[in-house]
Amino acid sequence: MSKIIDPEVKARAVRLVTEHSPEYPSLTAAVTAVAKQLGVGKESLRRWVIQAQVDTGERGGVTTNEQSEIKRLKAENRRLREDVAILRAATTFFAGELETRNR
């Protein structure tokens, strides 16, 4: 179960890793130190830092805005597919009704 982390805490943690990463031999070492200092999970912090790098263009990948747009479009696509399925079922039903009346 994931717990909700305050966005300000996330931003502060990412900023600390970004600012202090030159002091450490690797990004992992910087993330581990900051995570321990702030009491957050090191894997969570590592993912936040990577996503921040993607959002700023330092790293390739899907930005946060693009992810939210993809999620919205997938939900819309799912609703439209459900609507089409309902309309197909209704069309089949009414076509069957018309066919029996004509006989």
C-alpha atoms as a PDB file:
ATOM      1  CA  MET A   1       0.000   0.000   0.000  1.00  0.00           C
ATOM      2  CA  SER A   2       1.437   3.334  -1.003  1.00  0.00           C
ATOM      3  CA  LYS A   3       1.282   6.283   1.314  1.00  0.00           C
ATOM      4  CA  ILE A   4       0.646   9.808   0.128  1.00  0.00           C
ATOM      5  CA  ILE A   5       3.739  12.002   0.252  1.00  0.00           C
ATOM      6  CA  ASP A   6       3.349  15.760   0.357  1.00  0.00           C
ATOM      7  CA  PRO A   7       4.397  17.275  -3.006  1.00  0.00           C
ATOM      8  CA  GLU A   8       6.537  19.827  -1.163  1.00  0.00           C
ATOM      9  CA  VAL A   9       8.485  17.012   0.494  1.00  0.00           C
ATOM     10  CA  LYS A  10       8.982  15.344  -2.897  1.00  0.00           C
ATOM     11  CA  ALA A  11      10.187  18.586  -4.462  1.00  0.00           C
ATOM     12  CA  ARG A  12      12.554  19.264  -1.551  1.00  0.00           C
ATOM     13  CA  ALA A  13      13.969  15.736  -1.694  1.00  0.00           C
ATOM     14  CA  VAL A  14      14.555  15.946  -5.457  1.00  0.00           C
ATOM     15  CA  ARG A  15      16.157  19.371  -5.064  1.00  0.00           C
ATOM     16  CA  LEU A  16      18.486  18.092  -2.327  1.00  0.00           C
ATOM     17  CA  VAL A  17      19.585  15.135  -4.449  1.00  0.00           C
ATOM     18  CA  THR A  18      20.130  17.380  -7.470  1.00  0.00           C
ATOM     19  CA  GLU A  19      22.106  19.956  -5.496  1.00  0.00           C
ATOM     20  CA  HIS A  20      24.251  17.475  -3.577  1.00  0.00           C
ATOM     21  CA  SER A  21      24.802  14.749  -6.185  1.00  0.00           C
ATOM     22  CA  PRO A  22      28.239  16.146  -7.208  1.00  0.00           C
ATOM     23  CA  GLU A  23      29.397  15.469  -3.628  1.00  0.00           C
ATOM     24  CA  TYR A  24      28.699  11.737  -4.000  1.00  0.00           C
ATOM     25  CA  PRO A  25      30.310   9.134  -6.257  1.00  0.00           C
ATOM     26  CA  SER A  26      26.973   8.147  -7.811  1.00  0.00           C
ATOM     27  CA  LEU A  27      23.338   9.143  -8.002  1.00  0.00           C
ATOM     28  CA  THR A  28      22.478   6.086  -5.926  1.00  0.00           C
ATOM     29  CA  ALA A  29      24.743   7.235  -3.094  1.00  0.00           C
ATOM     30  CA  ALA A  30      23.202  10.725  -3.129  1.00  0.00           C
ATOM     31  CA  VAL A  31      19.676   9.280  -3.171  1.00  0.00           C
ATOM     32  CA  THR A  32      20.467   6.904  -0.298  1.00  0.00           C
ATOM     33  CA  ALA A  33      21.884   9.701   1.863  1.00  0.00           C
ATOM     34  CA  VAL A  34      19.004  12.118   1.227  1.00  0.00           C
ATOM     35  CA  ALA A  35      16.373   9.388   1.648  1.00  0.00           C
ATOM     36  CA  LYS A  36      17.823   8.441   5.031  1.00  0.00           C
ATOM     37  CA  GLN A  37      17.974  12.118   6.072  1.00  0.00           C
ATOM     38  CA  LEU A  38      14.340  12.817   5.110  1.00  0.00           C
ATOM     39  CA  GLY A  39      12.898   9.453   6.092  1.00  0.00           C
ATOM     40  CA  VAL A  40      11.560   8.510   2.654  1.00  0.00           C
ATOM     41  CA  GLY A  41      12.131   5.332   0.682  1.00  0.00           C
ATOM     42  CA  LYS A  42      15.290   5.385  -1.398  1.00  0.00           C
ATOM     43  CA  GLU A  43      13.614   3.670  -4.367  1.00  0.00           C
ATOM     44  CA  SER A  44      10.761   6.183  -4.289  1.00  0.00           C
ATOM     45  CA  LEU A  45      13.226   9.055  -4.178  1.00  0.00           C
ATOM     46  CA  ARG A  46      15.257   7.536  -7.010  1.00  0.00           C
ATOM     47  CA  ARG A  47      12.105   7.351  -9.179  1.00  0.00           C
ATOM     48  CA  TRP A  48      11.191  10.958  -8.295  1.00  0.00           C
ATOM     49  CA  VAL A  49      14.660  12.158  -9.292  1.00  0.00           C
ATOM     50  CA  ILE A  50      14.579  10.254 -12.582  1.00  0.00           C
ATOM     51  CA  GLN A  51      11.092  11.620 -13.379  1.00  0.00           C
ATOM     52  CA  ALA A  52      12.295  15.143 -12.565  1.00  0.00           C
ATOM     53  CA  GLN A  53      15.208  14.639 -14.974  1.00  0.00           C
ATOM     54  CA  VAL A  54      12.787  13.460 -17.674  1.00  0.00           C
ATOM     55  CA  ASP A  55      10.516  16.459 -17.042  1.00  0.00           C
ATOM     56  CA  THR A  56      13.422  18.891 -17.404  1.00  0.00           C
ATOM     57  CA  GLY A  57      14.729  17.174 -20.540  1.00  0.00           C
ATOM     58  CA  GLU A  58      17.974  15.910 -18.998  1.00  0.00           C
ATOM     59  CA  ARG A  59      16.907  12.316 -19.598  1.00  0.00           C
ATOM     60  CA  GLY A  60      14.781  10.706 -22.276  1.00  0.00           C
ATOM     61  CA  GLY A  61      11.364   9.341 -21.454  1.00  0.00           C
ATOM     62  CA  VAL A  62       7.718  10.244 -21.016  1.00  0.00           C
ATOM     63  CA  THR A  63       7.139  13.462 -19.082  1.00  0.00           C
ATOM     64  CA  THR A  64       4.608  13.802 -16.298  1.00  0.00           C
ATOM     65  CA  ASN A  65       2.315  15.884 -18.518  1.00  0.00           C
ATOM     66  CA  GLU A  66       2.485  13.278 -21.267  1.00  0.00           C
ATOM     67  CA  GLN A  67       1.752  10.507 -18.753  1.00  0.00           C
ATOM     68  CA  SER A  68      -1.365  12.289 -17.498  1.00  0.00           C
ATOM     69  CA  GLU A  69      -2.519  12.905 -21.088  1.00  0.00           C
ATOM     70  CA  ILE A  70      -1.985   9.215 -21.967  1.00  0.00           C
ATOM     71  CA  LYS A  71      -3.939   8.182 -18.866  1.00  0.00           C
ATOM     72  CA  ARG A  72      -6.791  10.542 -19.782  1.00  0.00           C
ATOM     73  CA  LEU A  73      -6.876   9.296 -23.380  1.00  0.00           C
ATOM     74  CA  LYS A  74      -6.869   5.652 -22.288  1.00  0.00           C
ATOM     75  CA  ALA A  75      -9.841   6.294 -19.984  1.00  0.00           C
ATOM     76  CA  GLU A  76     -11.678   8.097 -22.789  1.00  0.00           C
ATOM     77  CA  ASN A  77     -10.871   5.255 -25.187  1.00  0.00           C
ATOM     78  CA  ARG A  78     -12.234   2.705 -22.682  1.00  0.00           C
ATOM     79  CA  ARG A  79     -15.483   4.685 -22.282  1.00  0.00           C
ATOM     80  CA  LEU A  80     -15.887   4.977 -26.046  1.00  0.00           C
ATOM     81  CA  ARG A  81     -15.330   1.227 -26.503  1.00  0.00           C
ATOM     82  CA  GLU A  82     -18.007   0.562 -23.883  1.00  0.00           C
ATOM     83  CA  ASP A  83     -20.387   2.952 -25.684  1.00  0.00           C
ATOM     84  CA  VAL A  84     -19.747   1.199 -28.994  1.00  0.00           C
ATOM     85  CA  ALA A  85     -20.393  -2.200 -27.412  1.00  0.00           C
ATOM     86  CA  ILE A  86     -23.709  -0.957 -25.999  1.00  0.00           C
ATOM     87  CA  LEU A  87     -24.715   0.531 -29.339  1.00  0.00           C
ATOM     88  CA  ARG A  88     -23.811  -2.702 -31.163  1.00  0.00           C
ATOM     89  CA  ALA A  89     -25.919  -4.721 -28.734  1.00  0.00           C
ATOM     90  CA  ALA A  90     -28.826  -2.308 -29.140  1.00  0.00           C
ATOM     91  CA  THR A  91     -28.497  -2.415 -32.937  1.00  0.00           C
ATOM     92  CA  THR A  92     -28.516  -6.197 -32.903  1.00  0.00           C
ATOM     93  CA  PHE A  93     -31.552  -6.240 -30.622  1.00  0.00           C
ATOM     94  CA  PHE A  94     -33.552  -3.756 -32.686  1.00  0.00           C
ATOM     95  CA  ALA A  95     -32.528  -5.391 -35.975  1.00  0.00           C
ATOM     96  CA  GLY A  96     -33.875  -8.678 -34.605  1.00  0.00           C
ATOM     97  CA  GLU A  97     -37.114  -6.970 -33.575  1.00  0.00           C
ATOM     98  CA  LEU A  98     -37.599  -5.459 -37.036  1.00  0.00           C
ATOM     99  CA  GLU A  99     -36.849  -8.758 -38.721  1.00  0.00           C
ATOM    100  CA  THR A 100     -39.581 -10.646 -36.789  1.00  0.00           C
ATOM    101  CA  ARG A 101     -42.174  -7.899 -37.469  1.00  0.00           C
ATOM    102  CA  ASN A 102     -41.677  -8.062 -41.221  1.00  0.00           C
ATOM    103  CA  ARG A 103     -42.526 -11.760 -41.380  1.00  0.00           C
END
